[in-house]
Amino acid sequence: VERQKTAADPTKADVVVAAGRGFAAEEDLQKARDLAAKLGGAIACS
């Protein structure tokens, strides 16, 4: 079963926006996604 990627690959991106425990709510992750999109990058996390 091929594993489906759910986002841009951070191992190949020039810019990575990584989110950590400082995000109090799951919906706040959109702020990281928005910045990554603006910079043409990918998201990652701890």
All heavy atoms as atom14 arrays in JSON, in Angstrom:
{
  "sequence": "VERQKTAADPTKADVVVAAGRGFAAEEDLQKARDLAAKLGGAIACS",
  "atom14_mask": [
    [1, 1, 1, 1, 1, 1, 1, 0, 0, 0, 0, 0, 0, 0],
    [1, 1, 1, 1, 1, 1, 1, 1, 1, 0, 0, 0, 0, 0],
    [1, 1, 1, 1, 1, 1, 1, 1, 1, 1, 1, 0, 0, 0],
    [1, 1, 1, 1, 1, 1, 1, 1, 1, 0, 0, 0, 0, 0],
    [1, 1, 1, 1, 1, 1, 1, 1, 1, 0, 0, 0, 0, 0],
    [1, 1, 1, 1, 1, 1, 1, 0, 0, 0, 0, 0, 0, 0],
    [1, 1, 1, 1, 1, 0, 0, 0, 0, 0, 0, 0, 0, 0],
    [1, 1, 1, 1, 1, 0, 0, 0, 0, 0, 0, 0, 0, 0],
    [1, 1, 1, 1, 1, 1, 1, 1, 0, 0, 0, 0, 0, 0],
    [1, 1, 1, 1, 1, 1, 1, 0, 0, 0, 0, 0, 0, 0],
    [1, 1, 1, 1, 1, 1, 1, 0, 0, 0, 0, 0, 0, 0],
    [1, 1, 1, 1, 1, 1, 1, 1, 1, 0, 0, 0, 0, 0],
    [1, 1, 1, 1, 1, 0, 0, 0, 0, 0, 0, 0, 0, 0],
    [1, 1, 1, 1, 1, 1, 1, 1, 0, 0, 0, 0, 0, 0],
    [1, 1, 1, 1, 1, 1, 1, 0, 0, 0, 0, 0, 0, 0],
    [1, 1, 1, 1, 1, 1, 1, 0, 0, 0, 0, 0, 0, 0],
    [1, 1, 1, 1, 1, 1, 1, 0, 0, 0, 0, 0, 0, 0],
    [1, 1, 1, 1, 1, 0, 0, 0, 0, 0, 0, 0, 0, 0],
    [1, 1, 1, 1, 1, 0, 0, 0, 0, 0, 0, 0, 0, 0],
    [1, 1, 1, 1, 0, 0, 0, 0, 0, 0, 0, 0, 0, 0],
    [1, 1, 1, 1, 1, 1, 1, 1, 1, 1, 1, 0, 0, 0],
    [1, 1, 1, 1, 0, 0, 0, 0, 0, 0, 0, 0, 0, 0],
    [1, 1, 1, 1, 1, 1, 1, 1, 1, 1, 1, 0, 0, 0],
    [1, 1, 1, 1, 1, 0, 0, 0, 0, 0, 0, 0, 0, 0],
    [1, 1, 1, 1, 1, 0, 0, 0, 0, 0, 0, 0, 0, 0],
    [1, 1, 1, 1, 1, 1, 1, 1, 1, 0, 0, 0, 0, 0],
    [1, 1, 1, 1, 1, 1, 1, 1, 1, 0, 0, 0, 0, 0],
    [1, 1, 1, 1, 1, 1, 1, 1, 0, 0, 0, 0, 0, 0],
    [1, 1, 1, 1, 1, 1, 1, 1, 0, 0, 0, 0, 0, 0],
    [1, 1, 1, 1, 1, 1, 1, 1, 1, 0, 0, 0, 0, 0],
    [1, 1, 1, 1, 1, 1, 1, 1, 1, 0, 0, 0, 0, 0],
    [1, 1, 1, 1, 1, 0, 0, 0, 0, 0, 0, 0, 0, 0],
    [1, 1, 1, 1, 1, 1, 1, 1, 1, 1, 1, 0, 0, 0],
    [1, 1, 1, 1, 1, 1, 1, 1, 0, 0, 0, 0, 0, 0],
    [1, 1, 1, 1, 1, 1, 1, 1, 0, 0, 0, 0, 0, 0],
    [1, 1, 1, 1, 1, 0, 0, 0, 0, 0, 0, 0, 0, 0],
    [1, 1, 1, 1, 1, 0, 0, 0, 0, 0, 0, 0, 0, 0],
    [1, 1, 1, 1, 1, 1, 1, 1, 1, 0, 0, 0, 0, 0],
    [1, 1, 1, 1, 1, 1, 1, 1, 0, 0, 0, 0, 0, 0],
    [1, 1, 1, 1, 0, 0, 0, 0, 0, 0, 0, 0, 0, 0],
    [1, 1, 1, 1, 0, 0, 0, 0, 0, 0, 0, 0, 0, 0],
    [1, 1, 1, 1, 1, 0, 0, 0, 0, 0, 0, 0, 0, 0],
    [1, 1, 1, 1, 1, 1, 1, 1, 0, 0, 0, 0, 0, 0],
    [1, 1, 1, 1, 1, 0, 0, 0, 0, 0, 0, 0, 0, 0],
    [1, 1, 1, 1, 1, 1, 0, 0, 0, 0, 0, 0, 0, 0],
    [1, 1, 1, 1, 1, 1, 0, 0, 0, 0, 0, 0, 0, 0]
  ],
  "atom14_positions": [
    [[0.87, -1.16, 0.0], [0.0, 0.0, 0.0], [0.91, 1.22, 0.0], [1.72, 1.4, 0.92], [-0.92, 0.03, 1.25], [-1.75, 1.3, 1.26], [-1.8, -1.2, 1.29], [0.0, 0.0, 0.0], [0.0, 0.0, 0.0], [0.0, 0.0, 0.0], [0.0, 0.0, 0.0], [0.0, 0.0, 0.0], [0.0, 0.0, 0.0], [0.0, 0.0, 0.0]],
    [[0.82, 2.03, -1.05], [1.67, 3.22, -1.11], [1.21, 4.23, -0.08], [0.03, 4.53, 0.04], [1.6, 3.84, -2.51], [2.62, 4.95, -2.67], [2.7, 5.44, -4.1], [2.53, 4.63, -5.02], [2.94, 6.64, -4.28], [0.0, 0.0, 0.0], [0.0, 0.0, 0.0], [0.0, 0.0, 0.0], [0.0, 0.0, 0.0], [0.0, 0.0, 0.0]],
    [[2.16, 4.75, 0.67], [1.86, 5.73, 1.71], [1.62, 7.07, 1.05], [2.45, 7.57, 0.29], [3.05, 5.81, 2.66], [2.81, 6.66, 3.85], [3.97, 6.47, 4.79], [3.94, 7.49, 5.82], [4.86, 7.61, 6.72], [5.87, 6.79, 6.74], [4.78, 8.56, 7.62], [0.0, 0.0, 0.0], [0.0, 0.0, 0.0], [0.0, 0.0, 0.0]],
    [[0.49, 7.67, 1.33], [0.12, 8.95, 0.76], [0.76, 10.09, 1.55], [0.65, 10.13, 2.77], [-1.4, 9.13, 0.75], [-2.13, 8.09, -0.08], [-1.8, 8.19, -1.55], [-1.78, 9.27, -2.1], [-1.51, 7.06, -2.19], [0.0, 0.0, 0.0], [0.0, 0.0, 0.0], [0.0, 0.0, 0.0], [0.0, 0.0, 0.0], [0.0, 0.0, 0.0]],
    [[1.42, 10.99, 0.86], [1.97, 12.18, 1.51], [0.82, 13.14, 1.77], [-0.07, 13.31, 0.95], [3.01, 12.85, 0.63], [4.27, 12.03, 0.45], [5.09, 12.07, 1.7], [6.4, 11.35, 1.51], [7.2, 11.32, 2.7], [0.0, 0.0, 0.0], [0.0, 0.0, 0.0], [0.0, 0.0, 0.0], [0.0, 0.0, 0.0], [0.0, 0.0, 0.0]],
    [[0.85, 13.77, 2.93], [-0.24, 14.66, 3.29], [0.12, 16.14, 3.15], [-0.72, 16.99, 3.34], [-0.67, 14.4, 4.75], [0.46, 14.57, 5.59], [-1.21, 12.99, 4.91], [0.0, 0.0, 0.0], [0.0, 0.0, 0.0], [0.0, 0.0, 0.0], [0.0, 0.0, 0.0], [0.0, 0.0, 0.0], [0.0, 0.0, 0.0], [0.0, 0.0, 0.0]],
    [[1.36, 16.43, 2.84], [1.8, 17.82, 2.73], [3.05, 17.88, 1.87], [3.6, 16.85, 1.49], [2.1, 18.39, 4.13], [0.0, 0.0, 0.0], [0.0, 0.0, 0.0], [0.0, 0.0, 0.0], [0.0, 0.0, 0.0], [0.0, 0.0, 0.0], [0.0, 0.0, 0.0], [0.0, 0.0, 0.0], [0.0, 0.0, 0.0], [0.0, 0.0, 0.0]],
    [[3.5, 19.11, 1.58], [4.76, 19.28, 0.85], [5.87, 18.61, 1.66], [5.86, 18.63, 2.89], [5.05, 20.76, 0.65], [0.0, 0.0, 0.0], [0.0, 0.0, 0.0], [0.0, 0.0, 0.0], [0.0, 0.0, 0.0], [0.0, 0.0, 0.0], [0.0, 0.0, 0.0], [0.0, 0.0, 0.0], [0.0, 0.0, 0.0], [0.0, 0.0, 0.0]],
    [[6.83, 18.05, 0.98], [7.91, 17.31, 1.62], [8.93, 18.27, 2.23], [9.67, 18.94, 1.5], [8.57, 16.4, 0.6], [9.62, 15.49, 1.2], [9.95, 15.64, 2.4], [10.1, 14.6, 0.47], [0.0, 0.0, 0.0], [0.0, 0.0, 0.0], [0.0, 0.0, 0.0], [0.0, 0.0, 0.0], [0.0, 0.0, 0.0], [0.0, 0.0, 0.0]],
    [[9.01, 18.35, 3.56], [9.95, 19.28, 4.18], [11.42, 18.91, 3.95], [12.29, 19.75, 4.07], [9.61, 19.21, 5.67], [8.81, 17.98, 5.85], [8.19, 17.65, 4.54], [0.0, 0.0, 0.0], [0.0, 0.0, 0.0], [0.0, 0.0, 0.0], [0.0, 0.0, 0.0], [0.0, 0.0, 0.0], [0.0, 0.0, 0.0], [0.0, 0.0, 0.0]],
    [[11.71, 17.66, 3.56], [13.1, 17.28, 3.3], [13.61, 17.83, 1.99], [14.81, 17.82, 1.73], [13.28, 15.75, 3.32], [12.54, 15.18, 2.24], [12.84, 15.14, 4.63], [0.0, 0.0, 0.0], [0.0, 0.0, 0.0], [0.0, 0.0, 0.0], [0.0, 0.0, 0.0], [0.0, 0.0, 0.0], [0.0, 0.0, 0.0], [0.0, 0.0, 0.0]],
    [[12.7, 18.34, 1.14], [13.1, 18.88, -0.16], [12.84, 20.39, -0.28], [13.11, 20.98, -1.31], [12.34, 18.15, -1.26], [12.73, 16.68, -1.38], [11.95, 16.0, -2.48], [12.44, 14.61, -2.76], [12.19, 13.64, -1.74], [0.0, 0.0, 0.0], [0.0, 0.0, 0.0], [0.0, 0.0, 0.0], [0.0, 0.0, 0.0], [0.0, 0.0, 0.0]],
    [[12.31, 21.0, 0.77], [11.93, 22.41, 0.73], [13.1, 23.33, 1.09], [13.95, 22.99, 1.9], [10.78, 22.66, 1.69], [0.0, 0.0, 0.0], [0.0, 0.0, 0.0], [0.0, 0.0, 0.0], [0.0, 0.0, 0.0], [0.0, 0.0, 0.0], [0.0, 0.0, 0.0], [0.0, 0.0, 0.0], [0.0, 0.0, 0.0], [0.0, 0.0, 0.0]],
    [[13.12, 24.52, 0.48], [14.12, 25.54, 0.81], [13.77, 26.28, 2.1], [14.65, 26.84, 2.76], [14.25, 26.57, -0.31], [15.03, 26.03, -1.51], [15.78, 25.05, -1.34], [14.88, 26.59, -2.61], [0.0, 0.0, 0.0], [0.0, 0.0, 0.0], [0.0, 0.0, 0.0], [0.0, 0.0, 0.0], [0.0, 0.0, 0.0], [0.0, 0.0, 0.0]],
    [[12.48, 26.29, 2.42], [12.0, 26.93, 3.65], [11.1, 25.94, 4.38], [10.23, 25.33, 3.77], [11.2, 28.21, 3.35], [10.64, 28.81, 4.64], [12.06, 29.23, 2.62], [0.0, 0.0, 0.0], [0.0, 0.0, 0.0], [0.0, 0.0, 0.0], [0.0, 0.0, 0.0], [0.0, 0.0, 0.0], [0.0, 0.0, 0.0], [0.0, 0.0, 0.0]],
    [[11.33, 25.77, 5.68], [10.49, 24.9, 6.5], [10.0, 25.71, 7.69], [10.79, 26.36, 8.38], [11.27, 23.66, 6.99], [10.44, 22.86, 7.99], [11.67, 22.78, 5.82], [0.0, 0.0, 0.0], [0.0, 0.0, 0.0], [0.0, 0.0, 0.0], [0.0, 0.0, 0.0], [0.0, 0.0, 0.0], [0.0, 0.0, 0.0], [0.0, 0.0, 0.0]],
    [[8.7, 25.69, 7.9], [8.09, 26.31, 9.08], [7.67, 25.16, 9.99], [6.79, 24.38, 9.63], [6.88, 27.19, 8.72], [6.26, 27.78, 9.98], [7.28, 28.3, 7.76], [0.0, 0.0, 0.0], [0.0, 0.0, 0.0], [0.0, 0.0, 0.0], [0.0, 0.0, 0.0], [0.0, 0.0, 0.0], [0.0, 0.0, 0.0], [0.0, 0.0, 0.0]],
    [[8.33, 25.03, 11.13], [8.08, 23.93, 12.04], [7.3, 24.4, 13.26], [7.61, 25.44, 13.84], [9.39, 23.29, 12.47], [0.0, 0.0, 0.0], [0.0, 0.0, 0.0], [0.0, 0.0, 0.0], [0.0, 0.0, 0.0], [0.0, 0.0, 0.0], [0.0, 0.0, 0.0], [0.0, 0.0, 0.0], [0.0, 0.0, 0.0], [0.0, 0.0, 0.0]],
    [[6.29, 23.63, 13.62], [5.43, 23.95, 14.76], [5.77, 23.05, 15.94], [6.07, 21.87, 15.77], [3.97, 23.76, 14.36], [0.0, 0.0, 0.0], [0.0, 0.0, 0.0], [0.0, 0.0, 0.0], [0.0, 0.0, 0.0], [0.0, 0.0, 0.0], [0.0, 0.0, 0.0], [0.0, 0.0, 0.0], [0.0, 0.0, 0.0], [0.0, 0.0, 0.0]],
    [[5.67, 23.62, 17.14], [5.95, 22.87, 18.35], [4.85, 22.99, 19.37], [3.74, 23.43, 19.07], [0.0, 0.0, 0.0], [0.0, 0.0, 0.0], [0.0, 0.0, 0.0], [0.0, 0.0, 0.0], [0.0, 0.0, 0.0], [0.0, 0.0, 0.0], [0.0, 0.0, 0.0], [0.0, 0.0, 0.0], [0.0, 0.0, 0.0], [0.0, 0.0, 0.0]],
    [[5.17, 22.63, 20.6], [4.19, 22.66, 21.69], [3.64, 24.04, 22.0], [2.65, 24.17, 22.71], [4.81, 22.11, 22.96], [4.86, 20.62, 22.96], [5.25, 20.13, 24.35], [5.04, 18.71, 24.36], [4.47, 18.06, 25.34], [4.06, 18.7, 26.41], [4.31, 16.77, 25.28], [0.0, 0.0, 0.0], [0.0, 0.0, 0.0], [0.0, 0.0, 0.0]],
    [[4.26, 25.08, 21.46], [3.76, 26.42, 21.68], [2.4, 26.65, 21.02], [1.72, 27.64, 21.32], [0.0, 0.0, 0.0], [0.0, 0.0, 0.0], [0.0, 0.0, 0.0], [0.0, 0.0, 0.0], [0.0, 0.0, 0.0], [0.0, 0.0, 0.0], [0.0, 0.0, 0.0], [0.0, 0.0, 0.0], [0.0, 0.0, 0.0], [0.0, 0.0, 0.0]],
    [[1.98, 25.75, 20.16], [0.66, 25.84, 19.55], [-0.34, 25.22, 20.51], [-0.28, 24.02, 20.79], [0.63, 25.11, 18.2], [1.32, 25.88, 17.11], [2.71, 25.87, 17.01], [0.59, 26.63, 16.21], [3.36, 26.59, 16.03], [1.24, 27.36, 15.22], [2.62, 27.34, 15.13], [0.0, 0.0, 0.0], [0.0, 0.0, 0.0], [0.0, 0.0, 0.0]],
    [[-1.24, 26.05, 21.03], [-2.17, 25.6, 22.05], [-3.36, 24.85, 21.48], [-3.97, 24.02, 22.17], [-2.66, 26.8, 22.86], [0.0, 0.0, 0.0], [0.0, 0.0, 0.0], [0.0, 0.0, 0.0], [0.0, 0.0, 0.0], [0.0, 0.0, 0.0], [0.0, 0.0, 0.0], [0.0, 0.0, 0.0], [0.0, 0.0, 0.0], [0.0, 0.0, 0.0]],
    [[-3.7, 25.12, 20.22], [-4.87, 24.49, 19.61], [-4.54, 24.08, 18.18], [-3.77, 24.74, 17.5], [-6.05, 25.46, 19.62], [0.0, 0.0, 0.0], [0.0, 0.0, 0.0], [0.0, 0.0, 0.0], [0.0, 0.0, 0.0], [0.0, 0.0, 0.0], [0.0, 0.0, 0.0], [0.0, 0.0, 0.0], [0.0, 0.0, 0.0], [0.0, 0.0, 0.0]],
    [[-5.15, 23.0, 17.74], [-4.88, 22.48, 16.4], [-5.19, 23.5, 15.31], [-4.46, 23.61, 14.33], [-5.69, 21.2, 16.17], [-5.39, 20.52, 14.87], [-6.09, 19.17, 14.72], [-6.92, 18.82, 15.57], [-5.78, 18.48, 13.74], [0.0, 0.0, 0.0], [0.0, 0.0, 0.0], [0.0, 0.0, 0.0], [0.0, 0.0, 0.0], [0.0, 0.0, 0.0]],
    [[-6.23, 24.29, 15.5], [-6.59, 25.29, 14.48], [-5.53, 26.39, 14.33], [-5.42, 27.04, 13.3], [-7.96, 25.91, 14.74], [-8.15, 26.53, 16.1], [-8.67, 25.55, 17.16], [-8.7, 24.34, 16.94], [-9.03, 26.05, 18.25], [0.0, 0.0, 0.0], [0.0, 0.0, 0.0], [0.0, 0.0, 0.0], [0.0, 0.0, 0.0], [0.0, 0.0, 0.0]],
    [[-4.69, 26.58, 15.36], [-3.61, 27.57, 15.28], [-2.52, 27.15, 14.29], [-1.74, 27.99, 13.85], [-2.98, 27.8, 16.66], [-3.91, 28.52, 17.62], [-4.83, 29.22, 17.14], [-3.73, 28.38, 18.84], [0.0, 0.0, 0.0], [0.0, 0.0, 0.0], [0.0, 0.0, 0.0], [0.0, 0.0, 0.0], [0.0, 0.0, 0.0], [0.0, 0.0, 0.0]],
    [[-2.48, 25.87, 13.93], [-1.49, 25.4, 12.96], [-1.67, 26.07, 11.6], [-0.74, 26.13, 10.81], [-1.57, 23.88, 12.79], [-1.1, 23.06, 13.98], [-1.36, 21.58, 13.73], [0.37, 23.31, 14.24], [0.0, 0.0, 0.0], [0.0, 0.0, 0.0], [0.0, 0.0, 0.0], [0.0, 0.0, 0.0], [0.0, 0.0, 0.0], [0.0, 0.0, 0.0]],
    [[-2.87, 26.6, 11.35], [-3.1, 27.3, 10.09], [-2.17, 28.5, 9.94], [-1.77, 28.84, 8.83], [-4.57, 27.73, 9.96], [-4.93, 28.24, 8.59], [-4.67, 27.21, 7.5], [-5.02, 26.05, 7.63], [-4.06, 27.63, 6.41], [0.0, 0.0, 0.0], [0.0, 0.0, 0.0], [0.0, 0.0, 0.0], [0.0, 0.0, 0.0], [0.0, 0.0, 0.0]],
    [[-1.78, 29.11, 11.05], [-0.84, 30.23, 11.01], [0.51, 29.79, 10.45], [1.14, 30.5, 9.68], [-0.7, 30.85, 12.4], [-1.96, 31.54, 12.91], [-1.82, 31.91, 14.37], [-3.0, 32.63, 14.94], [-4.3, 32.01, 14.75], [0.0, 0.0, 0.0], [0.0, 0.0, 0.0], [0.0, 0.0, 0.0], [0.0, 0.0, 0.0], [0.0, 0.0, 0.0]],
    [[0.95, 28.6, 10.84], [2.21, 28.05, 10.32], [2.05, 27.69, 8.85], [2.94, 27.94, 8.04], [2.64, 26.83, 11.13], [0.0, 0.0, 0.0], [0.0, 0.0, 0.0], [0.0, 0.0, 0.0], [0.0, 0.0, 0.0], [0.0, 0.0, 0.0], [0.0, 0.0, 0.0], [0.0, 0.0, 0.0], [0.0, 0.0, 0.0], [0.0, 0.0, 0.0]],
    [[0.91, 27.11, 8.5], [0.66, 26.74, 7.09], [0.63, 27.99, 6.21], [1.15, 27.98, 5.09], [-0.66, 25.99, 6.97], [-0.62, 24.59, 7.53], [-1.95, 23.86, 7.3], [-1.9, 22.52, 7.82], [-2.47, 22.15, 8.97], [-3.15, 23.01, 9.7], [-2.38, 20.9, 9.36], [0.0, 0.0, 0.0], [0.0, 0.0, 0.0], [0.0, 0.0, 0.0]],
    [[0.01, 29.05, 6.71], [-0.07, 30.29, 5.93], [1.31, 30.89, 5.68], [1.6, 31.33, 4.57], [-0.95, 31.32, 6.66], [-2.42, 30.92, 6.72], [-2.83, 30.02, 5.94], [-3.16, 31.5, 7.54], [0.0, 0.0, 0.0], [0.0, 0.0, 0.0], [0.0, 0.0, 0.0], [0.0, 0.0, 0.0], [0.0, 0.0, 0.0], [0.0, 0.0, 0.0]],
    [[2.16, 30.89, 6.7], [3.51, 31.43, 6.54], [4.31, 30.56, 5.57], [5.0, 31.08, 4.69], [4.22, 31.53, 7.89], [5.65, 32.07, 7.86], [5.71, 33.45, 7.19], [6.23, 32.12, 9.26], [0.0, 0.0, 0.0], [0.0, 0.0, 0.0], [0.0, 0.0, 0.0], [0.0, 0.0, 0.0], [0.0, 0.0, 0.0], [0.0, 0.0, 0.0]],
    [[4.2, 29.25, 5.7], [4.91, 28.35, 4.79], [4.46, 28.56, 3.36], [5.28, 28.62, 2.44], [4.7, 26.89, 5.21], [0.0, 0.0, 0.0], [0.0, 0.0, 0.0], [0.0, 0.0, 0.0], [0.0, 0.0, 0.0], [0.0, 0.0, 0.0], [0.0, 0.0, 0.0], [0.0, 0.0, 0.0], [0.0, 0.0, 0.0], [0.0, 0.0, 0.0]],
    [[3.17, 28.74, 3.16], [2.64, 28.96, 1.81], [3.15, 30.28, 1.24], [3.53, 30.36, 0.07], [1.11, 28.94, 1.83], [0.0, 0.0, 0.0], [0.0, 0.0, 0.0], [0.0, 0.0, 0.0], [0.0, 0.0, 0.0], [0.0, 0.0, 0.0], [0.0, 0.0, 0.0], [0.0, 0.0, 0.0], [0.0, 0.0, 0.0], [0.0, 0.0, 0.0]],
    [[3.18, 31.31, 2.06], [3.65, 32.62, 1.62], [5.13, 32.58, 1.21], [5.54, 33.26, 0.28], [3.45, 33.64, 2.76], [3.65, 35.06, 2.38], [2.38, 35.63, 1.77], [2.48, 37.12, 1.62], [1.23, 37.8, 1.82], [0.0, 0.0, 0.0], [0.0, 0.0, 0.0], [0.0, 0.0, 0.0], [0.0, 0.0, 0.0], [0.0, 0.0, 0.0]],
    [[5.9, 31.73, 1.88], [7.33, 31.61, 1.6], [7.65, 30.51, 0.59], [8.81, 30.27, 0.27], [8.1, 31.34, 2.9], [8.08, 32.47, 3.93], [8.63, 31.99, 5.26], [8.87, 33.65, 3.41], [0.0, 0.0, 0.0], [0.0, 0.0, 0.0], [0.0, 0.0, 0.0], [0.0, 0.0, 0.0], [0.0, 0.0, 0.0], [0.0, 0.0, 0.0]],
    [[6.61, 29.82, 0.11], [6.82, 28.72, -0.83], [7.5, 27.53, -0.19], [8.25, 26.81, -0.84], [0.0, 0.0, 0.0], [0.0, 0.0, 0.0], [0.0, 0.0, 0.0], [0.0, 0.0, 0.0], [0.0, 0.0, 0.0], [0.0, 0.0, 0.0], [0.0, 0.0, 0.0], [0.0, 0.0, 0.0], [0.0, 0.0, 0.0], [0.0, 0.0, 0.0]],
    [[7.25, 27.34, 1.08], [7.91, 26.27, 1.83], [6.97, 25.17, 2.26], [5.86, 25.03, 1.74], [0.0, 0.0, 0.0], [0.0, 0.0, 0.0], [0.0, 0.0, 0.0], [0.0, 0.0, 0.0], [0.0, 0.0, 0.0], [0.0, 0.0, 0.0], [0.0, 0.0, 0.0], [0.0, 0.0, 0.0], [0.0, 0.0, 0.0], [0.0, 0.0, 0.0]],
    [[7.43, 24.39, 3.22], [6.69, 23.26, 3.75], [6.58, 23.39, 5.26], [7.35, 24.11, 5.88], [7.41, 21.96, 3.39], [0.0, 0.0, 0.0], [0.0, 0.0, 0.0], [0.0, 0.0, 0.0], [0.0, 0.0, 0.0], [0.0, 0.0, 0.0], [0.0, 0.0, 0.0], [0.0, 0.0, 0.0], [0.0, 0.0, 0.0], [0.0, 0.0, 0.0]],
    [[5.62, 22.68, 5.83], [5.51, 22.66, 7.28], [6.12, 21.37, 7.82], [6.24, 20.37, 7.11], [4.06, 22.82, 7.79], [3.18, 21.66, 7.34], [3.49, 24.15, 7.37], [1.89, 21.56, 8.11], [0.0, 0.0, 0.0], [0.0, 0.0, 0.0], [0.0, 0.0, 0.0], [0.0, 0.0, 0.0], [0.0, 0.0, 0.0], [0.0, 0.0, 0.0]],
    [[6.53, 21.44, 9.06], [7.06, 20.3, 9.79], [6.66, 20.51, 11.25], [5.94, 21.46, 11.57], [8.57, 20.2, 9.64], [0.0, 0.0, 0.0], [0.0, 0.0, 0.0], [0.0, 0.0, 0.0], [0.0, 0.0, 0.0], [0.0, 0.0, 0.0], [0.0, 0.0, 0.0], [0.0, 0.0, 0.0], [0.0, 0.0, 0.0], [0.0, 0.0, 0.0]],
    [[7.12, 19.63, 12.13], [6.74, 19.79, 13.53], [7.7, 19.06, 14.45], [8.57, 18.32, 14.0], [5.32, 19.28, 13.76], [5.12, 17.52, 13.45], [0.0, 0.0, 0.0], [0.0, 0.0, 0.0], [0.0, 0.0, 0.0], [0.0, 0.0, 0.0], [0.0, 0.0, 0.0], [0.0, 0.0, 0.0], [0.0, 0.0, 0.0], [0.0, 0.0, 0.0]],
    [[7.51, 19.28, 15.74], [8.25, 18.54, 16.75], [7.43, 17.31, 17.11], [6.24, 17.21, 16.8], [8.52, 19.42, 17.97], [7.31, 19.84, 18.55], [0.0, 0.0, 0.0], [0.0, 0.0, 0.0], [0.0, 0.0, 0.0], [0.0, 0.0, 0.0], [0.0, 0.0, 0.0], [0.0, 0.0, 0.0], [0.0, 0.0, 0.0], [0.0, 0.0, 0.0]]
  ]
}
